[in-house]
Structures are given as structure tokens and as C-alpha cells.
């Protein structure tokens, strides 16, 4: 099972930015946690993080050629306004796509309650911290059976 994990802008600053919302664990901790979980369940995980919208779109398009089974994506702030990322996700029919947010976007600022990218995904998970990524992996595996 090949799963791509994409993290958008500012997620490389986990453990630095807004600790009251995102906690004090850093991006490397998140990657390590996902790698450990993948090892236990036998999934092949690749990671991509960018603060640039076009780079995220390029990586999503590459996922088609890489024949990824699933994509876990936290588009960061692009969630709320990037129709370009929405279109890139929508163009990928085969991989199961799960949008993940560490915080509970429904209890934050009004603009965060709207996701323009979620409709292009199969599922959305929010408010479960880093564990949301593991739940997304489980969702992909279950839906690829």
C-alpha cells in the first residue's frame, strides 16, 4: 500500500507556531510517528511539505504517475481558498484522498470552517491532533480493500 502524505504551508513550523493550538511536538515528530505506524501496518509512506501552492499541485499530479493508493493531505491555509489544489485533487480519481487538520477547524475563526478542498477528497478528519494522520491512513487502507 503506497500512501503519500502532503503537508502545506507552515506545517514545517509545528512545535514553533501557535503551540496552544498545535502543541509543542515538531514536524519531525509527526513524520516519525507516521513512519513508526506505517512500519507496524506494512504501508509504504512518502512525505512532501511545501509552503508553495504550485509545488503542492505538482506533487499531487506526480502522485498519478507514481500510482499512489492513497493521499493524506493537510493543505494548511490553502484549505480555505485554493481552488487550484481542489482541481488537482479532483483530477485524481484512483487514490483515496483524506483531508486532515490537526486543530478543530469548526471551532476556530469563521474562515477556517470552510474547506474548498474537502469536496475533492473522500473524507475529512479534523481536531484529532497528530492522530488524525493515522486515522486517515486507516481510512485509506480500509477503503482500498
N, C-alpha and C. Protein backbone atom coordinates (compact mmCIF):
# COMPACT_ATOMS: atom_id res chain seq x y z
N UNK A 1 0.85 -1.18 0.00
CA UNK A 1 0.00 0.00 0.00
C UNK A 1 0.90 1.24 0.00
N UNK A 2 0.78 2.05 -1.04
CA UNK A 2 1.58 3.28 -1.18
C UNK A 2 0.71 4.48 -0.82
N UNK A 3 1.17 5.22 0.19
CA UNK A 3 0.42 6.39 0.64
C UNK A 3 1.35 7.60 0.68
N UNK A 4 0.85 8.69 0.11
CA UNK A 4 1.56 9.95 0.08
C UNK A 4 0.95 10.88 1.13
N UNK A 5 1.79 11.47 1.97
CA UNK A 5 1.35 12.45 2.96
C UNK A 5 1.87 13.82 2.53
N UNK A 6 0.94 14.73 2.28
CA UNK A 6 1.29 16.09 1.85
C UNK A 6 0.90 17.07 2.95
N UNK A 7 1.84 17.91 3.32
CA UNK A 7 1.58 18.97 4.29
C UNK A 7 1.87 20.32 3.64
N UNK A 8 0.94 21.23 3.81
CA UNK A 8 1.03 22.54 3.20
C UNK A 8 1.75 23.56 4.05
N UNK A 9 1.45 24.83 3.79
CA UNK A 9 2.20 25.93 4.39
C UNK A 9 2.16 25.95 5.91
N UNK A 10 3.31 26.27 6.46
CA UNK A 10 3.54 26.47 7.89
C UNK A 10 3.53 25.20 8.73
N UNK A 11 3.23 24.06 8.12
CA UNK A 11 3.25 22.83 8.92
C UNK A 11 4.67 22.42 9.28
N UNK A 12 5.65 22.90 8.52
CA UNK A 12 7.04 22.68 8.90
C UNK A 12 7.40 23.44 10.18
N UNK A 13 6.52 24.35 10.61
CA UNK A 13 6.75 25.12 11.84
C UNK A 13 5.98 24.55 13.03
N UNK A 14 5.51 23.31 12.93
CA UNK A 14 4.88 22.67 14.09
C UNK A 14 5.88 22.69 15.25
N UNK A 15 5.38 22.90 16.44
CA UNK A 15 6.23 22.99 17.62
C UNK A 15 6.78 24.39 17.84
N UNK A 16 6.63 25.24 16.85
CA UNK A 16 7.10 26.62 16.93
C UNK A 16 5.90 27.56 16.93
N UNK A 17 4.98 27.34 16.02
CA UNK A 17 3.85 28.26 15.84
C UNK A 17 2.65 27.87 16.70
N UNK A 18 2.01 28.83 17.25
CA UNK A 18 0.74 28.67 17.97
C UNK A 18 0.64 27.35 18.76
N UNK A 19 1.53 27.20 19.71
CA UNK A 19 1.58 25.97 20.49
C UNK A 19 0.28 25.68 21.21
N UNK A 20 -0.48 26.71 21.56
CA UNK A 20 -1.76 26.49 22.24
C UNK A 20 -2.77 25.81 21.32
N UNK A 21 -2.55 25.89 20.03
CA UNK A 21 -3.45 25.24 19.07
C UNK A 21 -2.85 23.94 18.55
N UNK A 22 -1.58 23.96 18.18
CA UNK A 22 -0.95 22.83 17.50
C UNK A 22 -0.05 21.98 18.40
N UNK A 23 0.19 22.41 19.63
CA UNK A 23 1.03 21.66 20.55
C UNK A 23 2.50 21.97 20.37
N UNK A 24 3.32 21.28 21.15
CA UNK A 24 4.75 21.58 21.12
C UNK A 24 5.58 20.51 20.41
N UNK A 25 4.93 19.50 19.86
CA UNK A 25 5.66 18.50 19.08
C UNK A 25 5.95 19.07 17.69
N UNK A 26 7.15 18.80 17.18
CA UNK A 26 7.55 19.40 15.91
C UNK A 26 7.23 18.51 14.71
N UNK A 27 7.55 19.04 13.53
CA UNK A 27 7.25 18.35 12.28
C UNK A 27 7.97 17.00 12.21
N UNK A 28 9.21 16.95 12.67
CA UNK A 28 9.95 15.69 12.66
C UNK A 28 9.26 14.64 13.53
N UNK A 29 8.67 15.07 14.63
CA UNK A 29 7.94 14.14 15.48
C UNK A 29 6.74 13.56 14.72
N UNK A 30 6.03 14.41 14.00
CA UNK A 30 4.89 13.94 13.21
C UNK A 30 5.33 12.91 12.18
N UNK A 31 6.40 13.22 11.46
CA UNK A 31 6.90 12.29 10.44
C UNK A 31 7.31 10.96 11.08
N UNK A 32 8.03 11.03 12.19
CA UNK A 32 8.46 9.82 12.89
C UNK A 32 7.29 8.98 13.36
N UNK A 33 6.29 9.65 13.87
CA UNK A 33 5.09 8.94 14.35
C UNK A 33 4.40 8.20 13.19
N UNK A 34 4.29 8.86 12.05
CA UNK A 34 3.66 8.24 10.89
C UNK A 34 4.53 7.09 10.36
N UNK A 35 5.84 7.29 10.31
CA UNK A 35 6.74 6.23 9.85
C UNK A 35 6.66 5.00 10.75
N UNK A 36 6.62 5.21 12.07
CA UNK A 36 6.51 4.09 13.01
C UNK A 36 5.22 3.32 12.77
N UNK A 37 4.13 4.05 12.60
CA UNK A 37 2.83 3.42 12.37
C UNK A 37 2.83 2.66 11.04
N UNK A 38 3.39 3.26 10.01
CA UNK A 38 3.45 2.61 8.70
C UNK A 38 4.24 1.31 8.77
N UNK A 39 5.33 1.32 9.54
CA UNK A 39 6.13 0.11 9.71
C UNK A 39 5.34 -1.01 10.36
N UNK A 40 4.50 -0.66 11.31
CA UNK A 40 3.70 -1.66 12.01
C UNK A 40 2.62 -2.28 11.13
N UNK A 41 2.09 -1.47 10.20
CA UNK A 41 0.98 -1.98 9.37
C UNK A 41 1.43 -2.35 7.96
N UNK A 42 2.72 -2.17 7.66
CA UNK A 42 3.25 -2.57 6.37
C UNK A 42 2.90 -1.64 5.21
N UNK A 43 2.71 -0.36 5.50
CA UNK A 43 2.41 0.61 4.43
C UNK A 43 3.69 1.33 4.02
N UNK A 44 3.76 1.68 2.76
CA UNK A 44 4.89 2.46 2.24
C UNK A 44 4.45 3.92 2.19
N UNK A 45 5.09 4.76 3.00
CA UNK A 45 4.69 6.16 3.12
C UNK A 45 5.77 7.06 2.55
N UNK A 46 5.34 8.05 1.76
CA UNK A 46 6.26 9.10 1.33
C UNK A 46 5.69 10.43 1.80
N UNK A 47 6.57 11.39 1.98
CA UNK A 47 6.18 12.68 2.57
C UNK A 47 6.57 13.82 1.64
N UNK A 48 5.74 14.86 1.69
CA UNK A 48 6.03 16.08 0.96
C UNK A 48 5.47 17.24 1.75
N UNK A 49 6.27 18.28 1.93
CA UNK A 49 5.81 19.51 2.59
C UNK A 49 6.28 20.68 1.77
N UNK A 50 5.37 21.63 1.56
CA UNK A 50 5.76 22.85 0.86
C UNK A 50 4.91 24.02 1.32
N UNK A 51 5.51 25.17 1.29
CA UNK A 51 4.80 26.42 1.56
C UNK A 51 4.31 27.05 0.26
N UNK A 52 4.46 26.35 -0.85
CA UNK A 52 4.15 26.89 -2.17
C UNK A 52 3.02 26.09 -2.84
N UNK A 53 1.99 26.80 -3.21
CA UNK A 53 0.81 26.17 -3.81
C UNK A 53 1.16 25.36 -5.06
N UNK A 54 1.93 25.94 -5.96
CA UNK A 54 2.28 25.24 -7.20
C UNK A 54 3.06 23.96 -6.96
N UNK A 55 3.93 23.96 -5.96
CA UNK A 55 4.70 22.76 -5.64
C UNK A 55 3.77 21.64 -5.14
N UNK A 56 2.76 22.02 -4.37
CA UNK A 56 1.80 21.03 -3.89
C UNK A 56 1.01 20.45 -5.07
N UNK A 57 0.62 21.30 -5.99
CA UNK A 57 -0.10 20.83 -7.17
C UNK A 57 0.79 19.92 -8.01
N UNK A 58 2.05 20.29 -8.19
CA UNK A 58 2.98 19.44 -8.93
C UNK A 58 3.10 18.07 -8.28
N UNK A 59 3.17 18.04 -6.96
CA UNK A 59 3.31 16.75 -6.26
C UNK A 59 2.04 15.92 -6.35
N UNK A 60 0.89 16.57 -6.29
CA UNK A 60 -0.37 15.84 -6.49
C UNK A 60 -0.43 15.23 -7.88
N UNK A 61 -0.02 15.97 -8.88
CA UNK A 61 -0.03 15.43 -10.23
C UNK A 61 0.97 14.29 -10.37
N UNK A 62 2.10 14.38 -9.71
CA UNK A 62 3.08 13.29 -9.75
C UNK A 62 2.52 12.02 -9.11
N UNK A 63 1.64 12.18 -8.15
CA UNK A 63 1.01 11.02 -7.48
C UNK A 63 0.28 10.14 -8.48
N UNK A 64 -0.26 10.74 -9.52
CA UNK A 64 -0.93 9.97 -10.58
C UNK A 64 0.07 9.02 -11.24
N UNK A 65 1.23 9.55 -11.60
CA UNK A 65 2.24 8.74 -12.28
C UNK A 65 2.91 7.74 -11.34
N UNK A 66 2.95 8.09 -10.05
CA UNK A 66 3.53 7.19 -9.05
C UNK A 66 2.55 6.10 -8.62
N UNK A 67 1.31 6.19 -9.08
CA UNK A 67 0.27 5.20 -8.76
C UNK A 67 0.08 5.02 -7.25
N UNK A 68 -0.04 6.16 -6.58
CA UNK A 68 -0.28 6.13 -5.13
C UNK A 68 -1.65 5.51 -4.86
N UNK A 69 -1.74 4.71 -3.80
CA UNK A 69 -3.03 4.13 -3.39
C UNK A 69 -3.86 5.13 -2.60
N UNK A 70 -3.18 6.03 -1.92
CA UNK A 70 -3.88 7.00 -1.10
C UNK A 70 -3.07 8.25 -0.88
N UNK A 71 -3.79 9.33 -0.59
CA UNK A 71 -3.15 10.61 -0.29
C UNK A 71 -3.78 11.16 0.99
N UNK A 72 -2.93 11.49 1.94
CA UNK A 72 -3.34 12.22 3.14
C UNK A 72 -2.83 13.63 2.92
N UNK A 73 -3.73 14.61 2.96
CA UNK A 73 -3.31 15.99 2.70
C UNK A 73 -3.82 16.93 3.77
N UNK A 74 -2.89 17.70 4.31
CA UNK A 74 -3.24 18.83 5.16
C UNK A 74 -2.83 20.06 4.37
N UNK A 75 -3.78 20.69 3.66
CA UNK A 75 -3.43 21.81 2.81
C UNK A 75 -3.12 23.10 3.58
N UNK A 76 -3.20 23.07 4.91
CA UNK A 76 -2.95 24.27 5.69
C UNK A 76 -3.94 25.36 5.28
N UNK A 77 -3.48 26.59 5.22
CA UNK A 77 -4.35 27.71 4.87
C UNK A 77 -4.92 27.60 3.47
N UNK A 78 -4.26 26.85 2.58
CA UNK A 78 -4.81 26.67 1.23
C UNK A 78 -6.17 25.97 1.25
N UNK A 79 -6.47 25.29 2.34
CA UNK A 79 -7.76 24.63 2.51
C UNK A 79 -8.91 25.57 2.20
N UNK A 80 -8.75 26.81 2.57
CA UNK A 80 -9.87 27.74 2.59
C UNK A 80 -10.02 28.56 1.31
N UNK A 81 -9.04 28.46 0.40
CA UNK A 81 -9.19 29.29 -0.79
C UNK A 81 -8.53 28.73 -2.05
N UNK A 82 -7.86 27.60 -2.00
CA UNK A 82 -7.15 27.14 -3.18
C UNK A 82 -8.01 26.22 -4.05
N UNK A 83 -8.66 26.85 -5.00
CA UNK A 83 -9.41 26.07 -5.98
C UNK A 83 -8.46 25.32 -6.91
N UNK A 84 -7.23 25.79 -7.02
CA UNK A 84 -6.24 25.10 -7.83
C UNK A 84 -5.87 23.75 -7.19
N UNK A 85 -5.69 23.71 -5.87
CA UNK A 85 -5.43 22.44 -5.19
C UNK A 85 -6.69 21.56 -5.25
N UNK A 86 -7.85 22.17 -5.09
CA UNK A 86 -9.11 21.42 -5.25
C UNK A 86 -9.14 20.72 -6.61
N UNK A 87 -8.83 21.47 -7.67
CA UNK A 87 -8.87 20.89 -9.02
C UNK A 87 -7.84 19.78 -9.19
N UNK A 88 -6.65 19.95 -8.61
CA UNK A 88 -5.62 18.92 -8.70
C UNK A 88 -6.08 17.65 -7.98
N UNK A 89 -6.68 17.81 -6.81
CA UNK A 89 -7.21 16.65 -6.08
C UNK A 89 -8.34 15.99 -6.86
N UNK A 90 -9.21 16.78 -7.41
CA UNK A 90 -10.37 16.28 -8.15
C UNK A 90 -9.94 15.48 -9.38
N UNK A 91 -8.82 15.87 -9.98
CA UNK A 91 -8.35 15.18 -11.19
C UNK A 91 -7.83 13.78 -10.89
N UNK A 92 -7.57 13.48 -9.62
CA UNK A 92 -7.07 12.16 -9.23
C UNK A 92 -8.23 11.28 -8.78
N UNK A 93 -8.66 10.38 -9.64
CA UNK A 93 -9.81 9.54 -9.31
C UNK A 93 -9.43 8.31 -8.50
N UNK A 94 -8.28 7.73 -8.76
CA UNK A 94 -7.92 6.44 -8.16
C UNK A 94 -7.51 6.50 -6.68
N UNK A 95 -6.54 7.33 -6.33
CA UNK A 95 -6.16 7.23 -4.91
C UNK A 95 -7.28 7.71 -4.00
N UNK A 96 -7.39 7.06 -2.86
CA UNK A 96 -8.30 7.53 -1.82
C UNK A 96 -7.65 8.77 -1.22
N UNK A 97 -8.41 9.84 -1.07
CA UNK A 97 -7.86 11.12 -0.60
C UNK A 97 -8.55 11.53 0.70
N UNK A 98 -7.74 11.82 1.71
CA UNK A 98 -8.26 12.24 3.01
C UNK A 98 -7.61 13.56 3.39
N UNK A 99 -8.47 14.55 3.66
CA UNK A 99 -8.00 15.84 4.15
C UNK A 99 -7.92 15.78 5.67
N UNK A 100 -6.81 16.24 6.22
CA UNK A 100 -6.57 16.19 7.66
C UNK A 100 -6.23 17.58 8.17
N UNK A 101 -6.75 17.90 9.36
CA UNK A 101 -6.37 19.12 10.07
C UNK A 101 -6.10 18.76 11.52
N UNK A 102 -5.01 19.24 12.05
CA UNK A 102 -4.61 18.95 13.42
C UNK A 102 -5.61 19.57 14.40
N UNK A 103 -5.98 20.80 14.15
CA UNK A 103 -6.91 21.50 15.05
C UNK A 103 -8.35 21.27 14.61
N UNK A 104 -9.26 21.65 15.46
CA UNK A 104 -10.69 21.55 15.13
C UNK A 104 -11.07 22.82 14.37
N UNK A 105 -11.07 22.74 13.07
CA UNK A 105 -11.33 23.91 12.25
C UNK A 105 -12.75 24.45 12.42
N UNK A 106 -13.65 23.64 12.95
CA UNK A 106 -15.03 24.08 13.15
C UNK A 106 -15.21 24.96 14.39
N UNK A 107 -14.20 25.01 15.24
CA UNK A 107 -14.30 25.84 16.45
C UNK A 107 -13.36 27.04 16.41
N UNK A 108 -12.76 27.27 15.26
CA UNK A 108 -11.82 28.38 15.12
C UNK A 108 -12.46 29.54 14.37
N UNK A 109 -11.66 30.40 13.77
CA UNK A 109 -12.18 31.55 13.05
C UNK A 109 -13.15 31.11 11.95
N UNK A 110 -14.06 32.00 11.61
CA UNK A 110 -15.09 31.68 10.62
C UNK A 110 -14.50 31.20 9.29
N UNK A 111 -13.45 31.85 8.83
CA UNK A 111 -12.91 31.48 7.51
C UNK A 111 -12.36 30.06 7.51
N UNK A 112 -11.96 29.55 8.67
CA UNK A 112 -11.40 28.19 8.73
C UNK A 112 -12.48 27.11 8.66
N UNK A 113 -13.71 27.47 8.83
CA UNK A 113 -14.80 26.49 8.82
C UNK A 113 -15.16 26.03 7.41
N UNK A 114 -14.67 26.76 6.42
CA UNK A 114 -14.98 26.43 5.03
C UNK A 114 -13.74 25.81 4.38
N UNK A 115 -13.93 24.63 3.82
CA UNK A 115 -12.86 23.97 3.08
C UNK A 115 -13.28 23.86 1.62
N UNK A 116 -12.50 24.48 0.75
CA UNK A 116 -12.78 24.33 -0.68
C UNK A 116 -12.10 23.07 -1.23
N UNK A 117 -11.21 22.47 -0.46
CA UNK A 117 -10.51 21.27 -0.92
C UNK A 117 -11.20 19.98 -0.49
N UNK A 118 -11.92 20.00 0.62
CA UNK A 118 -12.58 18.79 1.12
C UNK A 118 -13.54 18.15 0.12
N UNK A 119 -14.31 18.92 -0.65
CA UNK A 119 -15.20 18.27 -1.62
C UNK A 119 -14.48 17.43 -2.68
N UNK A 120 -13.20 17.67 -2.87
CA UNK A 120 -12.42 16.89 -3.82
C UNK A 120 -11.78 15.66 -3.17
N UNK A 121 -12.02 15.50 -1.88
CA UNK A 121 -11.48 14.36 -1.13
C UNK A 121 -12.61 13.38 -0.78
N UNK A 122 -12.19 12.20 -0.37
CA UNK A 122 -13.16 11.18 0.02
C UNK A 122 -13.61 11.32 1.47
N UNK A 123 -12.79 11.98 2.27
CA UNK A 123 -13.07 12.06 3.70
C UNK A 123 -12.30 13.24 4.28
N UNK A 124 -12.77 13.77 5.41
CA UNK A 124 -12.09 14.85 6.11
C UNK A 124 -12.03 14.50 7.60
N UNK A 125 -10.87 14.72 8.20
CA UNK A 125 -10.66 14.48 9.63
C UNK A 125 -10.07 15.76 10.21
N UNK A 126 -10.63 16.22 11.33
CA UNK A 126 -10.09 17.42 11.98
C UNK A 126 -10.26 17.32 13.48
N UNK A 127 -9.37 18.04 14.18
CA UNK A 127 -9.47 18.13 15.63
C UNK A 127 -8.93 16.94 16.40
N UNK A 128 -8.18 16.07 15.76
CA UNK A 128 -7.66 14.88 16.44
C UNK A 128 -6.16 14.92 16.61
N UNK A 129 -5.58 16.10 16.44
CA UNK A 129 -4.14 16.24 16.60
C UNK A 129 -3.39 15.41 15.57
N UNK A 130 -2.19 14.99 15.94
CA UNK A 130 -1.37 14.18 15.03
C UNK A 130 -2.03 12.84 14.74
N UNK A 131 -2.84 12.34 15.67
CA UNK A 131 -3.51 11.05 15.46
C UNK A 131 -4.44 11.06 14.26
N UNK A 132 -4.88 12.24 13.85
CA UNK A 132 -5.73 12.33 12.67
C UNK A 132 -5.05 11.77 11.43
N UNK A 133 -3.74 11.91 11.35
CA UNK A 133 -3.00 11.36 10.21
C UNK A 133 -3.06 9.83 10.21
N UNK A 134 -2.96 9.24 11.39
CA UNK A 134 -3.02 7.78 11.48
C UNK A 134 -4.42 7.29 11.14
N UNK A 135 -5.43 8.02 11.60
CA UNK A 135 -6.81 7.68 11.27
C UNK A 135 -7.02 7.77 9.75
N UNK A 136 -6.40 8.75 9.12
CA UNK A 136 -6.52 8.90 7.67
C UNK A 136 -5.88 7.72 6.95
N UNK A 137 -4.74 7.26 7.43
CA UNK A 137 -4.09 6.09 6.84
C UNK A 137 -5.00 4.87 6.98
N UNK A 138 -5.58 4.68 8.15
CA UNK A 138 -6.51 3.56 8.35
C UNK A 138 -7.70 3.66 7.40
N UNK A 139 -8.22 4.86 7.21
CA UNK A 139 -9.35 5.06 6.31
C UNK A 139 -8.97 4.64 4.88
N UNK A 140 -7.79 5.04 4.44
CA UNK A 140 -7.34 4.69 3.10
C UNK A 140 -7.22 3.18 2.96
N UNK A 141 -6.58 2.55 3.92
CA UNK A 141 -6.39 1.09 3.84
C UNK A 141 -7.74 0.38 3.81
N UNK A 142 -8.66 0.80 4.66
CA UNK A 142 -9.99 0.18 4.72
C UNK A 142 -10.72 0.34 3.39
N UNK A 143 -10.59 1.50 2.77
CA UNK A 143 -11.34 1.75 1.54
C UNK A 143 -10.65 1.23 0.28
N UNK A 144 -9.43 0.76 0.41
CA UNK A 144 -8.74 0.14 -0.73
C UNK A 144 -8.90 -1.38 -0.72
N UNK A 145 -9.51 -1.91 0.33
CA UNK A 145 -9.71 -3.37 0.40
C UNK A 145 -10.73 -3.82 -0.62
